[in-house]
N, C-alpha and C. Protein backbone atom coordinates (compact mmCIF):
# COMPACT_ATOMS: atom_id res chain seq x y z
N UNK A 1 41.99 -1.47 43.31
CA UNK A 1 43.04 -1.01 43.56
C UNK A 1 44.28 -1.90 42.56
N UNK A 2 45.15 -1.14 41.53
CA UNK A 2 45.55 -2.24 40.78
C UNK A 2 47.21 -2.37 41.51
N UNK A 3 47.76 -3.75 40.59
CA UNK A 3 48.71 -3.96 41.87
C UNK A 3 49.92 -2.93 41.56
N UNK A 4 50.37 -2.48 42.57
CA UNK A 4 51.65 -1.64 42.57
C UNK A 4 52.98 -2.20 41.64
N UNK A 5 53.74 -1.82 40.89
CA UNK A 5 54.92 -1.97 40.27
C UNK A 5 56.02 -1.58 40.95
N UNK A 6 57.07 -2.70 41.19
CA UNK A 6 57.86 -2.14 42.22
C UNK A 6 59.17 -1.49 41.29
N UNK A 7 59.14 -1.44 39.80
CA UNK A 7 59.58 -1.14 38.76
C UNK A 7 59.68 0.32 39.47
N UNK A 8 58.59 1.27 40.11
CA UNK A 8 58.31 2.72 39.99
C UNK A 8 59.36 2.75 41.89
N UNK A 9 59.26 1.78 42.54
CA UNK A 9 60.14 1.81 43.93
C UNK A 9 61.45 3.07 43.61
N UNK A 10 61.68 4.35 44.38
CA UNK A 10 62.38 5.07 44.42
C UNK A 10 62.47 6.04 43.49
N UNK A 11 61.54 6.15 42.47
CA UNK A 11 60.98 7.29 41.98
C UNK A 11 60.57 8.54 42.66
N UNK A 12 61.19 9.64 42.35
CA UNK A 12 60.37 10.83 43.18
C UNK A 12 59.62 11.72 41.87
N UNK A 13 58.25 12.03 42.42
CA UNK A 13 57.69 12.89 41.86
C UNK A 13 57.43 14.44 42.34
N UNK A 14 57.77 15.45 41.80
CA UNK A 14 57.75 16.63 42.05
C UNK A 14 56.20 17.35 42.02
N UNK A 15 55.62 17.81 42.76
CA UNK A 15 54.12 17.95 42.36
C UNK A 15 53.96 19.86 42.57
N UNK A 16 53.91 20.82 41.23
CA UNK A 16 53.79 21.92 41.63
C UNK A 16 52.23 22.32 41.06
N UNK A 17 51.40 23.04 41.95
CA UNK A 17 49.91 23.07 41.79
C UNK A 17 49.80 25.27 42.32
N UNK A 18 48.58 25.34 41.43
CA UNK A 18 48.05 26.54 41.97
C UNK A 18 46.80 25.82 43.15
N UNK A 19 46.27 24.69 43.42
CA UNK A 19 45.45 24.26 43.94
C UNK A 19 45.83 23.19 44.71
N UNK A 20 46.26 23.59 46.40
CA UNK A 20 46.26 22.31 47.34
C UNK A 20 45.51 21.13 47.42
N UNK A 21 44.08 21.62 47.06
CA UNK A 21 43.49 20.39 46.67
C UNK A 21 43.58 19.39 45.64
N UNK A 22 44.35 20.01 44.32
CA UNK A 22 44.09 18.94 43.24
C UNK A 22 45.91 18.40 43.45
N UNK A 23 46.44 19.18 44.19
CA UNK A 23 48.17 18.85 44.39
C UNK A 23 47.96 17.40 45.28
N UNK A 24 47.19 17.36 46.40
CA UNK A 24 46.86 16.53 47.23
C UNK A 24 45.86 15.30 46.55
N UNK A 25 45.21 15.62 45.72
CA UNK A 25 44.24 14.73 45.09
C UNK A 25 45.29 13.48 44.00
N UNK A 26 46.21 14.45 43.76
CA UNK A 26 47.31 13.55 42.69
C UNK A 26 48.14 13.00 43.14
N UNK A 27 48.83 13.40 44.43
CA UNK A 27 49.72 13.00 45.40
C UNK A 27 48.68 11.66 45.79
N UNK A 28 47.76 11.49 46.26
CA UNK A 28 47.41 10.51 46.83
C UNK A 28 47.32 9.38 46.11
N UNK A 29 46.62 9.97 44.66
CA UNK A 29 46.30 8.92 43.54
C UNK A 29 47.74 8.45 42.97
N UNK A 30 48.62 9.33 42.99
CA UNK A 30 49.93 8.60 42.93
C UNK A 30 50.62 7.33 43.72
N UNK A 31 50.38 7.79 44.91
CA UNK A 31 51.39 6.85 45.77
C UNK A 31 50.53 5.57 45.91
N UNK A 32 48.63 5.81 45.43
CA UNK A 32 48.23 4.52 45.77
C UNK A 32 48.43 3.62 45.08
N UNK A 33 48.82 4.29 43.51
CA UNK A 33 48.78 3.20 42.52
C UNK A 33 50.43 2.71 41.94
N UNK A 34 51.48 3.76 42.04
CA UNK A 34 52.86 2.97 42.42
C UNK A 34 53.75 3.82 43.32
N UNK A 35 54.92 3.09 43.79
CA UNK A 35 55.23 2.92 45.11
C UNK A 35 56.06 4.11 44.82
N UNK A 36 55.87 5.63 44.49
CA UNK A 36 56.54 6.85 44.52
C UNK A 36 56.72 7.57 45.68
N UNK A 37 57.92 8.57 45.33
CA UNK A 37 57.95 9.63 46.48
C UNK A 37 57.33 10.76 45.93
N UNK A 38 56.64 11.67 46.59
CA UNK A 38 56.00 12.21 46.12
C UNK A 38 56.30 13.56 46.91
N UNK A 39 56.69 14.72 46.45
CA UNK A 39 56.80 16.02 46.99
C UNK A 39 55.95 17.08 46.45
N UNK A 40 55.03 18.00 47.09
CA UNK A 40 54.03 18.75 47.18
C UNK A 40 54.61 20.30 47.24
N UNK A 41 54.56 20.88 46.37
CA UNK A 41 54.87 22.76 46.90
C UNK A 41 53.69 23.19 46.81
N UNK A 42 53.46 23.92 48.50
CA UNK A 42 52.17 24.39 48.24
C UNK A 42 51.29 25.17 47.56
N UNK A 43 50.32 25.72 47.28
CA UNK A 43 50.07 27.00 46.13
C UNK A 43 50.63 28.32 46.96
N UNK A 44 50.51 28.65 48.09
CA UNK A 44 50.95 29.63 48.65
C UNK A 44 52.19 29.94 48.73
N UNK A 45 53.21 29.05 48.10
CA UNK A 45 54.61 29.09 48.16
C UNK A 45 55.35 29.45 49.58
N UNK A 46 55.03 28.62 50.49
CA UNK A 46 55.42 28.65 51.94
C UNK A 46 56.34 27.36 51.60
N UNK A 47 56.33 26.68 50.70
CA UNK A 47 57.76 25.44 50.88
C UNK A 47 59.22 26.09 50.98
N UNK A 48 59.90 25.78 51.82
CA UNK A 48 61.31 26.00 51.53
C UNK A 48 61.78 25.53 50.41
N UNK A 49 62.27 26.79 49.88
CA UNK A 49 63.32 26.23 48.52
C UNK A 49 64.17 25.19 48.42
N UNK A 50 64.48 24.56 49.71
CA UNK A 50 65.66 23.70 50.12
C UNK A 50 65.05 22.64 49.71
N UNK A 51 63.70 22.28 49.77
CA UNK A 51 63.04 21.02 49.39
C UNK A 51 63.30 21.02 48.11
N UNK A 52 62.90 21.61 47.16
CA UNK A 52 63.08 21.54 45.66
C UNK A 52 64.05 21.83 45.00
N UNK A 53 65.51 22.80 45.86
CA UNK A 53 66.24 23.58 45.55
C UNK A 53 66.72 22.45 44.22
N UNK A 54 67.20 20.82 44.56
CA UNK A 54 67.61 20.55 43.25
C UNK A 54 66.49 19.77 42.54
N UNK A 55 65.43 20.43 41.74
CA UNK A 55 64.52 20.00 41.25
C UNK A 55 64.68 18.85 39.91
N UNK A 56 65.97 19.05 39.50
CA UNK A 56 66.58 18.04 38.29
C UNK A 56 66.89 16.66 39.29
N UNK A 57 66.70 16.56 40.62
CA UNK A 57 66.95 15.25 40.81
C UNK A 57 65.72 14.42 40.91
N UNK A 58 64.33 14.83 40.34
CA UNK A 58 63.00 14.58 40.81
C UNK A 58 63.29 13.65 39.47
N UNK A 59 61.95 12.61 39.29
CA UNK A 59 61.91 12.05 37.76
C UNK A 59 61.52 12.36 36.84
N UNK A 60 59.96 13.00 37.61
CA UNK A 60 59.23 13.93 37.10
C UNK A 60 59.00 15.57 37.56
N UNK A 61 58.20 15.89 36.99
CA UNK A 61 57.43 16.91 37.60
C UNK A 61 56.18 17.02 37.07
N UNK A 62 55.01 17.49 37.89
CA UNK A 62 53.69 17.38 37.73
C UNK A 62 53.29 19.01 37.78
N UNK A 63 53.00 19.63 36.70
CA UNK A 63 52.82 21.44 36.92
C UNK A 63 51.21 21.21 36.52
N UNK A 64 49.99 21.25 37.88
CA UNK A 64 48.97 21.46 37.84
C UNK A 64 48.06 22.49 38.05
N UNK A 65 47.57 23.52 36.82
CA UNK A 65 47.00 24.51 37.01
C UNK A 65 45.50 24.37 36.64
N UNK A 66 45.03 24.50 37.67
CA UNK A 66 43.35 24.63 37.64
C UNK A 66 42.76 25.72 37.72
N UNK A 67 43.37 27.24 37.59
CA UNK A 67 43.35 28.38 36.99
C UNK A 67 43.60 28.90 36.17
N UNK A 68 42.62 29.46 35.13
CA UNK A 68 42.92 29.67 33.72
C UNK A 68 43.68 30.58 34.01
N UNK A 69 43.88 31.74 34.91
CA UNK A 69 44.94 32.78 34.86
C UNK A 69 46.57 32.25 34.99
N UNK A 70 46.68 31.00 35.65
CA UNK A 70 48.06 30.83 36.01
C UNK A 70 48.81 30.18 34.74
N UNK A 71 49.79 30.44 34.55
CA UNK A 71 50.85 29.73 33.77
C UNK A 71 51.37 28.53 34.14
N UNK A 72 51.53 27.52 33.24
CA UNK A 72 52.82 26.51 33.99
C UNK A 72 54.02 27.11 33.79
N UNK A 73 54.37 27.69 33.00
CA UNK A 73 56.19 27.95 32.85
C UNK A 73 56.52 28.94 34.19
N UNK A 74 55.54 29.62 34.68
CA UNK A 74 55.34 31.05 35.47
C UNK A 74 55.49 29.74 37.08
N UNK A 75 54.83 29.21 36.95
CA UNK A 75 55.11 28.00 38.19
C UNK A 75 56.33 27.75 38.48
N UNK A 76 56.94 27.10 36.83
CA UNK A 76 58.47 26.47 37.24
C UNK A 76 59.54 27.75 37.71
N UNK A 77 59.13 28.64 36.96
CA UNK A 77 60.13 29.69 37.43
C UNK A 77 59.88 30.20 38.52
N UNK A 78 58.74 30.21 39.47
CA UNK A 78 58.81 30.64 40.89
C UNK A 78 59.08 29.92 41.34
N UNK A 79 59.49 28.23 41.02
CA UNK A 79 60.14 27.27 42.16
C UNK A 79 61.68 27.17 41.65
N UNK A 80 62.20 28.03 40.71
CA UNK A 80 63.70 27.86 40.59
C UNK A 80 63.73 26.75 39.53
N UNK A 81 62.97 25.91 38.86
CA UNK A 81 62.92 24.53 38.21
C UNK A 81 62.90 25.09 36.61
N UNK A 82 62.73 26.19 36.08
CA UNK A 82 62.98 26.08 34.41
C UNK A 82 64.29 25.84 34.10
N UNK A 83 65.63 25.62 34.85
CA UNK A 83 66.81 24.94 34.66
C UNK A 83 66.39 23.43 34.28
N UNK A 84 65.31 22.98 35.17
CA UNK A 84 65.00 21.49 34.69
C UNK A 84 64.69 21.03 33.54
N UNK A 85 64.28 21.91 32.11
CA UNK A 85 63.16 21.78 30.88
C UNK A 85 64.26 21.28 30.10
N UNK A 86 64.21 20.14 29.75
CA UNK A 86 64.72 19.33 29.01
C UNK A 86 65.43 17.91 29.69
N UNK A 87 65.50 18.29 31.19
CA UNK A 87 66.51 17.33 31.63
C UNK A 87 65.74 16.20 32.92
N UNK A 88 64.12 16.86 33.10
CA UNK A 88 63.85 16.11 33.83
C UNK A 88 61.90 16.24 32.77
N UNK A 89 61.30 14.97 32.88
CA UNK A 89 60.10 14.93 31.86
C UNK A 89 59.09 15.75 32.99
N UNK A 90 58.47 16.82 32.25
CA UNK A 90 57.60 17.73 32.71
C UNK A 90 56.31 17.34 32.40
N UNK A 91 55.15 17.21 33.23
CA UNK A 91 53.90 16.57 32.57
C UNK A 91 52.95 17.83 33.52
N UNK A 92 52.68 18.67 32.13
CA UNK A 92 51.47 19.72 32.46
C UNK A 92 50.16 19.87 32.47
N UNK A 93 49.18 19.75 33.25
CA UNK A 93 47.98 19.81 33.59
C UNK A 93 47.35 21.01 33.64
N UNK A 94 47.15 21.50 32.63
CA UNK A 94 46.19 22.70 32.42
C UNK A 94 44.71 22.98 31.44
N UNK A 95 44.16 23.85 31.40
CA UNK A 95 43.05 23.53 30.75
C UNK A 95 43.51 24.91 29.33
N UNK A 96 44.70 25.21 29.49
CA UNK A 96 44.90 26.12 28.26
C UNK A 96 45.48 25.51 27.28
N UNK A 97 45.67 25.33 26.04
CA UNK A 97 46.40 24.62 25.10
C UNK A 97 48.20 24.89 25.41
N UNK A 98 48.43 23.85 25.56
CA UNK A 98 49.84 23.87 25.49
C UNK A 98 50.50 22.71 24.56
N UNK A 99 51.45 22.96 24.00
CA UNK A 99 52.13 22.17 23.17
C UNK A 99 53.16 21.53 23.49
N UNK A 100 53.01 20.20 23.56
CA UNK A 100 53.79 18.94 24.26
C UNK A 100 55.10 19.09 23.23
N UNK A 101 56.36 18.95 23.82
CA UNK A 101 57.41 18.82 23.12
C UNK A 101 58.20 17.69 23.37
N UNK A 102 58.51 16.48 22.78
CA UNK A 102 59.41 15.40 23.01
C UNK A 102 60.69 15.61 23.13
N UNK A 103 61.17 16.89 22.43
CA UNK A 103 62.74 17.42 22.28
C UNK A 103 62.90 17.54 24.20
N UNK A 104 61.99 18.30 24.47
CA UNK A 104 62.18 19.33 25.93
C UNK A 104 61.20 18.20 26.88
N UNK A 105 61.18 17.04 26.54
CA UNK A 105 60.11 16.21 27.32
C UNK A 105 59.43 16.98 28.39
N UNK A 106 58.52 17.81 27.44
CA UNK A 106 57.23 18.35 28.17
C UNK A 106 55.99 17.83 27.68
N UNK A 107 55.11 17.08 28.26
CA UNK A 107 53.84 16.41 28.23
C UNK A 107 52.64 17.71 29.19
N UNK A 108 51.38 17.28 28.09
CA UNK A 108 50.24 18.03 28.47
C UNK A 108 49.35 16.72 28.53
N UNK A 109 48.16 17.23 29.78
CA UNK A 109 47.14 16.56 29.94
C UNK A 109 46.30 17.98 30.16
N UNK A 110 45.26 17.58 29.08
CA UNK A 110 44.12 18.44 29.73
C UNK A 110 43.05 18.62 30.96
N UNK A 111 42.54 19.81 31.81
CA UNK A 111 42.51 19.98 32.62
C UNK A 111 40.82 20.29 32.38
N UNK A 112 39.75 19.73 33.24
CA UNK A 112 40.22 18.32 33.80
C UNK A 112 39.91 17.30 33.45
N UNK A 113 40.49 16.20 34.16
CA UNK A 113 41.12 14.76 33.65
C UNK A 113 40.60 13.93 34.48
N UNK A 114 40.84 12.92 33.81
CA UNK A 114 40.33 11.78 34.47
C UNK A 114 41.96 11.16 35.19
N UNK A 115 41.58 10.40 36.47
CA UNK A 115 42.50 9.92 36.77
C UNK A 115 43.03 8.56 36.34
N UNK A 116 42.05 8.04 35.61
CA UNK A 116 42.90 6.93 34.15
C UNK A 116 43.93 7.50 33.79
N UNK A 117 43.64 8.15 32.89
CA UNK A 117 44.50 9.37 32.18
C UNK A 117 45.97 9.39 32.88
N UNK A 118 45.59 10.66 34.25
CA UNK A 118 47.00 10.70 34.72
C UNK A 118 48.02 9.39 34.63
N UNK A 119 47.00 8.33 35.68
CA UNK A 119 47.86 7.39 35.69
C UNK A 119 48.73 6.61 34.44
N UNK A 120 47.78 6.38 33.48
CA UNK A 120 48.73 6.29 32.09
C UNK A 120 49.59 6.63 31.74
N UNK A 121 49.55 8.46 31.81
CA UNK A 121 50.97 9.06 31.44
C UNK A 121 52.02 9.06 32.79
N UNK A 122 51.90 9.18 33.45
CA UNK A 122 52.81 8.99 34.68
C UNK A 122 53.27 7.60 34.36
N UNK A 123 52.67 6.63 34.37
CA UNK A 123 53.70 5.36 34.31
C UNK A 123 54.49 5.12 33.17
N UNK A 124 53.96 6.05 31.76
CA UNK A 124 54.46 5.77 30.81
C UNK A 124 55.45 6.75 30.72
N UNK A 125 55.61 7.72 31.44
CA UNK A 125 56.82 8.68 31.96
C UNK A 125 58.02 8.39 32.69
N UNK A 126 57.21 7.34 33.93
CA UNK A 126 58.07 6.96 34.63
C UNK A 126 59.18 5.10 33.83
N UNK A 127 58.21 5.13 32.91
CA UNK A 127 59.02 3.89 32.15
C UNK A 127 60.12 4.43 31.23
N UNK A 128 59.66 5.62 30.93
CA UNK A 128 61.31 6.17 29.83
C UNK A 128 60.22 6.36 28.36
N UNK A 129 59.22 6.00 28.61
CA UNK A 129 58.18 5.84 27.17
C UNK A 129 57.64 6.93 26.58
N UNK A 130 58.15 8.65 26.28
CA UNK A 130 57.99 9.26 26.17
C UNK A 130 57.07 9.41 24.40
N UNK A 131 57.64 8.81 23.85
CA UNK A 131 57.09 8.58 22.70
C UNK A 131 55.75 8.27 22.35
N UNK A 132 55.33 7.26 23.19
CA UNK A 132 54.22 6.85 23.42
C UNK A 132 53.22 7.99 24.10
N UNK A 133 53.82 8.83 24.56
CA UNK A 133 52.44 10.05 25.18
C UNK A 133 53.11 11.15 24.14
N UNK A 134 53.42 11.26 23.45
CA UNK A 134 53.54 12.17 22.59
C UNK A 134 52.56 12.97 21.67
N UNK A 135 51.34 11.89 21.64
CA UNK A 135 49.78 12.35 21.06
C UNK A 135 49.30 12.99 22.72
N UNK A 136 48.69 13.96 22.34
CA UNK A 136 47.70 14.72 23.07
C UNK A 136 46.83 14.43 24.03
N UNK A 137 46.76 14.43 24.85
CA UNK A 137 45.59 13.86 25.73
C UNK A 137 43.97 13.80 25.07
N UNK A 138 43.30 13.32 25.20
CA UNK A 138 41.87 13.77 24.77
C UNK A 138 40.95 14.00 26.03
N UNK A 139 40.45 15.06 26.14
CA UNK A 139 39.65 15.76 26.73
C UNK A 139 38.77 14.41 27.75
N UNK A 140 39.06 14.53 29.19
CA UNK A 140 38.65 13.78 30.36
C UNK A 140 36.96 13.53 30.11
N UNK A 141 36.33 12.61 28.92
CA UNK A 141 34.62 12.27 28.91
C UNK A 141 34.63 10.99 29.46
N UNK A 142 35.72 10.15 29.36
CA UNK A 142 35.21 8.47 29.68
C UNK A 142 35.12 8.46 31.10
N UNK A 143 34.09 7.51 30.96
CA UNK A 143 33.80 7.15 32.45
C UNK A 143 34.61 6.70 33.36
N UNK A 144 34.17 7.16 34.63
CA UNK A 144 35.43 6.87 36.04
C UNK A 144 35.82 8.24 36.74
N UNK A 145 36.52 8.41 37.84
CA UNK A 145 36.33 9.84 38.46
C UNK A 145 36.97 10.56 37.97
N UNK A 146 36.99 11.35 38.02
CA UNK A 146 37.79 12.95 36.81
C UNK A 146 37.89 13.67 38.15
N UNK A 147 39.04 14.97 37.55
CA UNK A 147 39.41 15.87 38.89
C UNK A 147 38.93 16.82 38.08
N UNK A 148 38.66 18.07 38.90
CA UNK A 148 38.49 19.21 38.73
C UNK A 148 37.38 19.96 37.63
N UNK A 149 36.22 18.62 38.28
CA UNK A 149 34.70 18.82 37.18
C UNK A 149 33.82 19.34 38.02
């Protein structure tokens, strides 16, 4: 296990996903690697809106779509979080092409993805180094644990 970085203490991450198992895998991995507080919104939408009502108070929103029929921006709209676009960094994990935009703080990671790729992106985003993450993520072909395969 990597050393936990105290610079991430107090950071909050919101995970929206169409797959509860995927959301849980991301949550467990992030909490193991960084001391962040994670809130997951269940795929069924049963999550009380007040828990994510102020989504812009989060330091990062992860939108993880494992189904090719689901749209990341629709997930944000359903959770009433479209107002956060450009105000909170958003990491979209999807198998659909998605143009990253540094100006609106939206970054993309291909699904399926390697856990190390996820951790690198999250660390860079939480450190505030979005420019380093502007390059599109490569498909997760490297050795190591992969999610979604």
